[in-house]
Amino acid sequence: MTDDPMRAAERALDDADETVRRLHAACCEPGRSPAMEALAADLVLARERLHSVAVDAGTADDLISGLEEAGARVGHLQVGCCAPGRLPLYARLLEDLTKVQLTVNRHLGRSH
């Protein structure tokens, strides 16, 4: 993608990927691993959909819906987290997901 706004969305996904890796590596509760892995998969899908939006703007709704689902997963993980020091990482992750959504909608002229 050479389009600057879409590149900004891609960078936000890069940051989100790194945050998920940090959270997953630092988690002391093995039962949370499947949820972290599912979140990582959500981000892979979001990246694929972001690339699709660059070719077909009609796929943006699927991207936004997937970002919302990922955000819900982040919220679930955040509320159940036993390490308050990790809360800023969860907040950053939500900010990155929101940044992707806002950037894509602005790029498509759908901001409100």
N, C-alpha and C. Protein backbone atom coordinates (compact mmCIF):
# COMPACT_ATOMS: atom_id res chain seq x y z
N MET A 1 0.84 -1.18 0.00
CA MET A 1 0.00 0.00 0.00
C MET A 1 0.88 1.24 0.00
N THR A 2 0.65 2.09 -0.93
CA THR A 2 1.43 3.31 -0.98
C THR A 2 0.64 4.50 -0.47
N ASP A 3 -0.64 4.33 -0.27
CA ASP A 3 -1.51 5.41 0.20
C ASP A 3 -1.19 5.72 1.66
N ASP A 4 -0.83 6.97 1.96
CA ASP A 4 -0.41 7.33 3.32
C ASP A 4 -1.45 7.01 4.40
N PRO A 5 -2.73 7.37 4.21
CA PRO A 5 -3.70 7.04 5.28
C PRO A 5 -3.80 5.54 5.53
N MET A 6 -3.79 4.76 4.48
CA MET A 6 -3.89 3.32 4.66
C MET A 6 -2.61 2.77 5.28
N ARG A 7 -1.50 3.39 4.98
CA ARG A 7 -0.23 2.99 5.61
C ARG A 7 -0.29 3.26 7.11
N ALA A 8 -0.94 4.35 7.50
CA ALA A 8 -1.09 4.66 8.92
C ALA A 8 -1.93 3.57 9.60
N ALA A 9 -2.94 3.09 8.92
CA ALA A 9 -3.76 2.00 9.47
C ALA A 9 -2.93 0.73 9.60
N GLU A 10 -2.09 0.48 8.62
CA GLU A 10 -1.23 -0.70 8.67
C GLU A 10 -0.23 -0.60 9.83
N ARG A 11 0.32 0.59 10.05
CA ARG A 11 1.23 0.78 11.18
C ARG A 11 0.51 0.56 12.51
N ALA A 12 -0.74 0.99 12.60
CA ALA A 12 -1.52 0.77 13.82
C ALA A 12 -1.70 -0.73 14.06
N LEU A 13 -1.91 -1.50 12.99
CA LEU A 13 -2.00 -2.95 13.14
C LEU A 13 -0.65 -3.55 13.54
N ASP A 14 0.44 -3.01 13.01
CA ASP A 14 1.77 -3.46 13.43
C ASP A 14 1.94 -3.25 14.93
N ASP A 15 1.55 -2.07 15.40
CA ASP A 15 1.65 -1.77 16.84
C ASP A 15 0.77 -2.71 17.66
N ALA A 16 -0.43 -2.98 17.15
CA ALA A 16 -1.35 -3.88 17.85
C ALA A 16 -0.75 -5.28 17.93
N ASP A 17 -0.15 -5.75 16.83
CA ASP A 17 0.50 -7.07 16.84
C ASP A 17 1.58 -7.13 17.92
N GLU A 18 2.39 -6.10 17.99
CA GLU A 18 3.47 -6.07 18.99
C GLU A 18 2.90 -6.07 20.41
N THR A 19 1.84 -5.33 20.63
CA THR A 19 1.22 -5.28 21.96
C THR A 19 0.67 -6.64 22.35
N VAL A 20 0.02 -7.31 21.41
CA VAL A 20 -0.52 -8.65 21.71
C VAL A 20 0.62 -9.60 22.04
N ARG A 21 1.72 -9.53 21.30
CA ARG A 21 2.87 -10.39 21.62
C ARG A 21 3.38 -10.12 23.03
N ARG A 22 3.47 -8.85 23.39
CA ARG A 22 3.95 -8.50 24.73
C ARG A 22 2.99 -9.01 25.81
N LEU A 23 1.70 -8.82 25.59
CA LEU A 23 0.71 -9.29 26.56
C LEU A 23 0.77 -10.80 26.70
N HIS A 24 0.84 -11.48 25.59
CA HIS A 24 0.83 -12.94 25.60
C HIS A 24 2.08 -13.48 26.29
N ALA A 25 3.22 -12.89 26.00
CA ALA A 25 4.49 -13.34 26.59
C ALA A 25 4.52 -13.11 28.10
N ALA A 26 3.83 -12.08 28.56
CA ALA A 26 3.89 -11.73 29.99
C ALA A 26 2.75 -12.33 30.80
N CYS A 27 1.84 -13.00 30.14
CA CYS A 27 0.67 -13.51 30.85
C CYS A 27 1.05 -14.73 31.69
N CYS A 28 0.60 -14.72 32.94
CA CYS A 28 0.93 -15.82 33.86
C CYS A 28 -0.20 -16.84 33.93
N GLU A 29 -1.27 -16.63 33.19
CA GLU A 29 -2.43 -17.53 33.24
C GLU A 29 -2.52 -18.31 31.93
N PRO A 30 -2.10 -19.58 31.94
CA PRO A 30 -2.10 -20.36 30.70
C PRO A 30 -3.47 -20.47 30.04
N GLY A 31 -4.53 -20.40 30.81
CA GLY A 31 -5.88 -20.50 30.26
C GLY A 31 -6.25 -19.34 29.35
N ARG A 32 -5.49 -18.26 29.45
CA ARG A 32 -5.77 -17.10 28.62
C ARG A 32 -5.10 -17.20 27.25
N SER A 33 -4.18 -18.15 27.10
CA SER A 33 -3.46 -18.29 25.84
C SER A 33 -4.38 -18.46 24.63
N PRO A 34 -5.40 -19.31 24.71
CA PRO A 34 -6.28 -19.44 23.53
C PRO A 34 -6.95 -18.12 23.15
N ALA A 35 -7.33 -17.32 24.13
CA ALA A 35 -7.95 -16.02 23.83
C ALA A 35 -6.93 -15.07 23.22
N MET A 36 -5.70 -15.10 23.71
CA MET A 36 -4.65 -14.26 23.13
C MET A 36 -4.34 -14.69 21.70
N GLU A 37 -4.31 -16.00 21.49
CA GLU A 37 -4.06 -16.52 20.15
C GLU A 37 -5.20 -16.16 19.20
N ALA A 38 -6.43 -16.19 19.69
CA ALA A 38 -7.57 -15.78 18.87
C ALA A 38 -7.48 -14.30 18.53
N LEU A 39 -7.03 -13.50 19.48
CA LEU A 39 -6.86 -12.07 19.23
C LEU A 39 -5.78 -11.85 18.16
N ALA A 40 -4.70 -12.59 18.25
CA ALA A 40 -3.65 -12.49 17.23
C ALA A 40 -4.22 -12.87 15.86
N ALA A 41 -5.06 -13.89 15.81
CA ALA A 41 -5.69 -14.29 14.55
C ALA A 41 -6.63 -13.20 14.04
N ASP A 42 -7.33 -12.53 14.96
CA ASP A 42 -8.19 -11.41 14.57
C ASP A 42 -7.38 -10.33 13.85
N LEU A 43 -6.17 -10.08 14.36
CA LEU A 43 -5.32 -9.05 13.77
C LEU A 43 -4.80 -9.46 12.39
N VAL A 44 -4.51 -10.74 12.22
CA VAL A 44 -4.11 -11.24 10.90
C VAL A 44 -5.25 -11.02 9.91
N LEU A 45 -6.45 -11.37 10.31
CA LEU A 45 -7.62 -11.19 9.46
C LEU A 45 -7.86 -9.70 9.17
N ALA A 46 -7.68 -8.86 10.17
CA ALA A 46 -7.85 -7.42 9.97
C ALA A 46 -6.86 -6.91 8.93
N ARG A 47 -5.65 -7.39 8.99
CA ARG A 47 -4.63 -6.97 8.01
C ARG A 47 -5.02 -7.41 6.60
N GLU A 48 -5.50 -8.64 6.47
CA GLU A 48 -5.94 -9.12 5.16
C GLU A 48 -7.10 -8.27 4.65
N ARG A 49 -8.02 -7.95 5.52
CA ARG A 49 -9.16 -7.13 5.12
C ARG A 49 -8.74 -5.71 4.79
N LEU A 50 -7.76 -5.19 5.51
CA LEU A 50 -7.25 -3.85 5.21
C LEU A 50 -6.68 -3.81 3.80
N HIS A 51 -5.95 -4.83 3.43
CA HIS A 51 -5.40 -4.90 2.08
C HIS A 51 -6.52 -5.01 1.05
N SER A 52 -7.59 -5.72 1.39
CA SER A 52 -8.73 -5.84 0.48
C SER A 52 -9.42 -4.50 0.28
N VAL A 53 -9.50 -3.71 1.34
CA VAL A 53 -10.16 -2.39 1.25
C VAL A 53 -9.42 -1.52 0.24
N ALA A 54 -8.11 -1.66 0.16
CA ALA A 54 -7.33 -0.87 -0.78
C ALA A 54 -7.72 -1.18 -2.22
N VAL A 55 -8.23 -2.40 -2.45
CA VAL A 55 -8.62 -2.82 -3.80
C VAL A 55 -10.13 -2.68 -4.00
N ASP A 56 -10.90 -2.97 -2.96
CA ASP A 56 -12.36 -2.96 -3.04
C ASP A 56 -12.93 -2.34 -1.77
N ALA A 57 -13.34 -1.08 -1.86
CA ALA A 57 -13.85 -0.36 -0.69
C ALA A 57 -15.07 -1.05 -0.08
N GLY A 58 -15.74 -1.89 -0.85
CA GLY A 58 -16.91 -2.60 -0.36
C GLY A 58 -16.60 -3.58 0.76
N THR A 59 -15.35 -3.91 0.95
CA THR A 59 -14.98 -4.85 2.01
C THR A 59 -14.74 -4.15 3.35
N ALA A 60 -14.87 -2.83 3.38
CA ALA A 60 -14.60 -2.06 4.60
C ALA A 60 -15.51 -2.47 5.75
N ASP A 61 -16.77 -2.77 5.46
CA ASP A 61 -17.68 -3.16 6.55
C ASP A 61 -17.22 -4.44 7.25
N ASP A 62 -16.68 -5.39 6.47
CA ASP A 62 -16.14 -6.61 7.08
C ASP A 62 -14.95 -6.28 7.97
N LEU A 63 -14.11 -5.37 7.51
CA LEU A 63 -12.96 -4.95 8.31
C LEU A 63 -13.41 -4.32 9.62
N ILE A 64 -14.35 -3.38 9.53
CA ILE A 64 -14.82 -2.68 10.73
C ILE A 64 -15.49 -3.66 11.69
N SER A 65 -16.28 -4.56 11.17
CA SER A 65 -16.93 -5.56 12.01
C SER A 65 -15.89 -6.43 12.72
N GLY A 66 -14.86 -6.83 12.02
CA GLY A 66 -13.80 -7.62 12.62
C GLY A 66 -13.04 -6.86 13.69
N LEU A 67 -12.82 -5.56 13.46
CA LEU A 67 -12.16 -4.72 14.46
C LEU A 67 -13.01 -4.63 15.72
N GLU A 68 -14.32 -4.52 15.55
CA GLU A 68 -15.22 -4.46 16.70
C GLU A 68 -15.16 -5.76 17.50
N GLU A 69 -15.12 -6.89 16.80
CA GLU A 69 -15.02 -8.18 17.48
C GLU A 69 -13.69 -8.30 18.22
N ALA A 70 -12.62 -7.84 17.59
CA ALA A 70 -11.31 -7.86 18.25
C ALA A 70 -11.34 -6.97 19.48
N GLY A 71 -11.98 -5.80 19.38
CA GLY A 71 -12.09 -4.90 20.52
C GLY A 71 -12.85 -5.53 21.67
N ALA A 72 -13.89 -6.27 21.35
CA ALA A 72 -14.65 -6.97 22.40
C ALA A 72 -13.77 -8.02 23.08
N ARG A 73 -12.95 -8.69 22.29
CA ARG A 73 -12.04 -9.70 22.85
C ARG A 73 -11.01 -9.02 23.77
N VAL A 74 -10.50 -7.87 23.34
CA VAL A 74 -9.54 -7.12 24.16
C VAL A 74 -10.19 -6.73 25.48
N GLY A 75 -11.42 -6.22 25.42
CA GLY A 75 -12.13 -5.84 26.63
C GLY A 75 -12.29 -7.01 27.58
N HIS A 76 -12.65 -8.17 27.05
CA HIS A 76 -12.80 -9.36 27.87
C HIS A 76 -11.49 -9.72 28.55
N LEU A 77 -10.41 -9.70 27.78
CA LEU A 77 -9.09 -10.02 28.34
C LEU A 77 -8.67 -8.99 29.37
N GLN A 78 -8.93 -7.73 29.08
CA GLN A 78 -8.51 -6.66 30.00
C GLN A 78 -9.22 -6.77 31.34
N VAL A 79 -10.52 -6.98 31.31
CA VAL A 79 -11.29 -7.05 32.55
C VAL A 79 -10.85 -8.25 33.39
N GLY A 80 -10.44 -9.33 32.76
CA GLY A 80 -10.02 -10.51 33.50
C GLY A 80 -8.54 -10.53 33.86
N CYS A 81 -7.81 -9.51 33.48
CA CYS A 81 -6.36 -9.49 33.70
C CYS A 81 -6.06 -9.29 35.19
N CYS A 82 -5.09 -10.07 35.68
CA CYS A 82 -4.73 -9.99 37.10
C CYS A 82 -3.54 -9.07 37.36
N ALA A 83 -3.04 -8.43 36.32
CA ALA A 83 -1.85 -7.58 36.46
C ALA A 83 -2.20 -6.15 36.06
N PRO A 84 -2.53 -5.30 37.03
CA PRO A 84 -2.91 -3.92 36.72
C PRO A 84 -1.87 -3.17 35.90
N GLY A 85 -0.61 -3.56 35.99
CA GLY A 85 0.43 -2.90 35.22
C GLY A 85 0.30 -3.12 33.72
N ARG A 86 -0.50 -4.08 33.34
CA ARG A 86 -0.71 -4.35 31.91
C ARG A 86 -1.88 -3.57 31.32
N LEU A 87 -2.63 -2.89 32.17
CA LEU A 87 -3.79 -2.15 31.67
C LEU A 87 -3.44 -1.13 30.59
N PRO A 88 -2.31 -0.43 30.70
CA PRO A 88 -1.95 0.49 29.61
C PRO A 88 -1.74 -0.21 28.26
N LEU A 89 -1.29 -1.46 28.30
CA LEU A 89 -1.13 -2.20 27.05
C LEU A 89 -2.48 -2.50 26.42
N TYR A 90 -3.45 -2.87 27.25
CA TYR A 90 -4.79 -3.11 26.71
C TYR A 90 -5.38 -1.81 26.15
N ALA A 91 -5.18 -0.72 26.85
CA ALA A 91 -5.68 0.57 26.37
C ALA A 91 -5.03 0.94 25.04
N ARG A 92 -3.74 0.69 24.93
CA ARG A 92 -3.04 1.00 23.68
C ARG A 92 -3.58 0.14 22.55
N LEU A 93 -3.85 -1.12 22.84
CA LEU A 93 -4.40 -2.03 21.84
C LEU A 93 -5.74 -1.52 21.32
N LEU A 94 -6.59 -1.09 22.24
CA LEU A 94 -7.88 -0.53 21.82
C LEU A 94 -7.70 0.75 21.00
N GLU A 95 -6.74 1.57 21.38
CA GLU A 95 -6.45 2.78 20.61
C GLU A 95 -6.01 2.43 19.20
N ASP A 96 -5.17 1.41 19.06
CA ASP A 96 -4.71 1.02 17.73
C ASP A 96 -5.85 0.50 16.86
N LEU A 97 -6.73 -0.30 17.44
CA LEU A 97 -7.89 -0.79 16.68
C LEU A 97 -8.78 0.37 16.25
N THR A 98 -8.97 1.31 17.15
CA THR A 98 -9.79 2.49 16.83
C THR A 98 -9.13 3.32 15.75
N LYS A 99 -7.82 3.45 15.82
CA LYS A 99 -7.08 4.22 14.81
C LYS A 99 -7.29 3.62 13.42
N VAL A 100 -7.26 2.29 13.32
CA VAL A 100 -7.49 1.63 12.04
C VAL A 100 -8.90 1.96 11.54
N GLN A 101 -9.88 1.82 12.40
CA GLN A 101 -11.27 2.08 12.01
C GLN A 101 -11.45 3.52 11.55
N LEU A 102 -10.94 4.46 12.32
CA LEU A 102 -11.09 5.88 11.96
C LEU A 102 -10.37 6.21 10.66
N THR A 103 -9.20 5.67 10.50
CA THR A 103 -8.41 5.93 9.29
C THR A 103 -9.11 5.40 8.06
N VAL A 104 -9.60 4.18 8.14
CA VAL A 104 -10.28 3.57 6.99
C VAL A 104 -11.56 4.35 6.67
N ASN A 105 -12.35 4.65 7.67
CA ASN A 105 -13.59 5.38 7.40
C ASN A 105 -13.32 6.78 6.85
N ARG A 106 -12.31 7.45 7.37
CA ARG A 106 -11.94 8.77 6.85
C ARG A 106 -11.49 8.65 5.39
N HIS A 107 -10.67 7.66 5.12
CA HIS A 107 -10.16 7.43 3.76
C HIS A 107 -11.31 7.20 2.77
N LEU A 108 -12.34 6.54 3.23
CA LEU A 108 -13.48 6.25 2.37
C LEU A 108 -14.55 7.34 2.40
N GLY A 109 -14.28 8.41 3.13
CA GLY A 109 -15.25 9.50 3.21
C GLY A 109 -16.45 9.17 4.05
N ARG A 110 -16.28 8.26 4.98
CA ARG A 110 -17.40 7.81 5.82
C ARG A 110 -17.28 8.27 7.26
N SER A 111 -16.36 9.18 7.53
CA SER A 111 -16.23 9.65 8.91
C SER A 111 -17.45 10.47 9.29
N HIS A 112 -17.71 10.49 10.59
CA HIS A 112 -18.87 11.25 11.07
C HIS A 112 -18.52 12.03 12.29
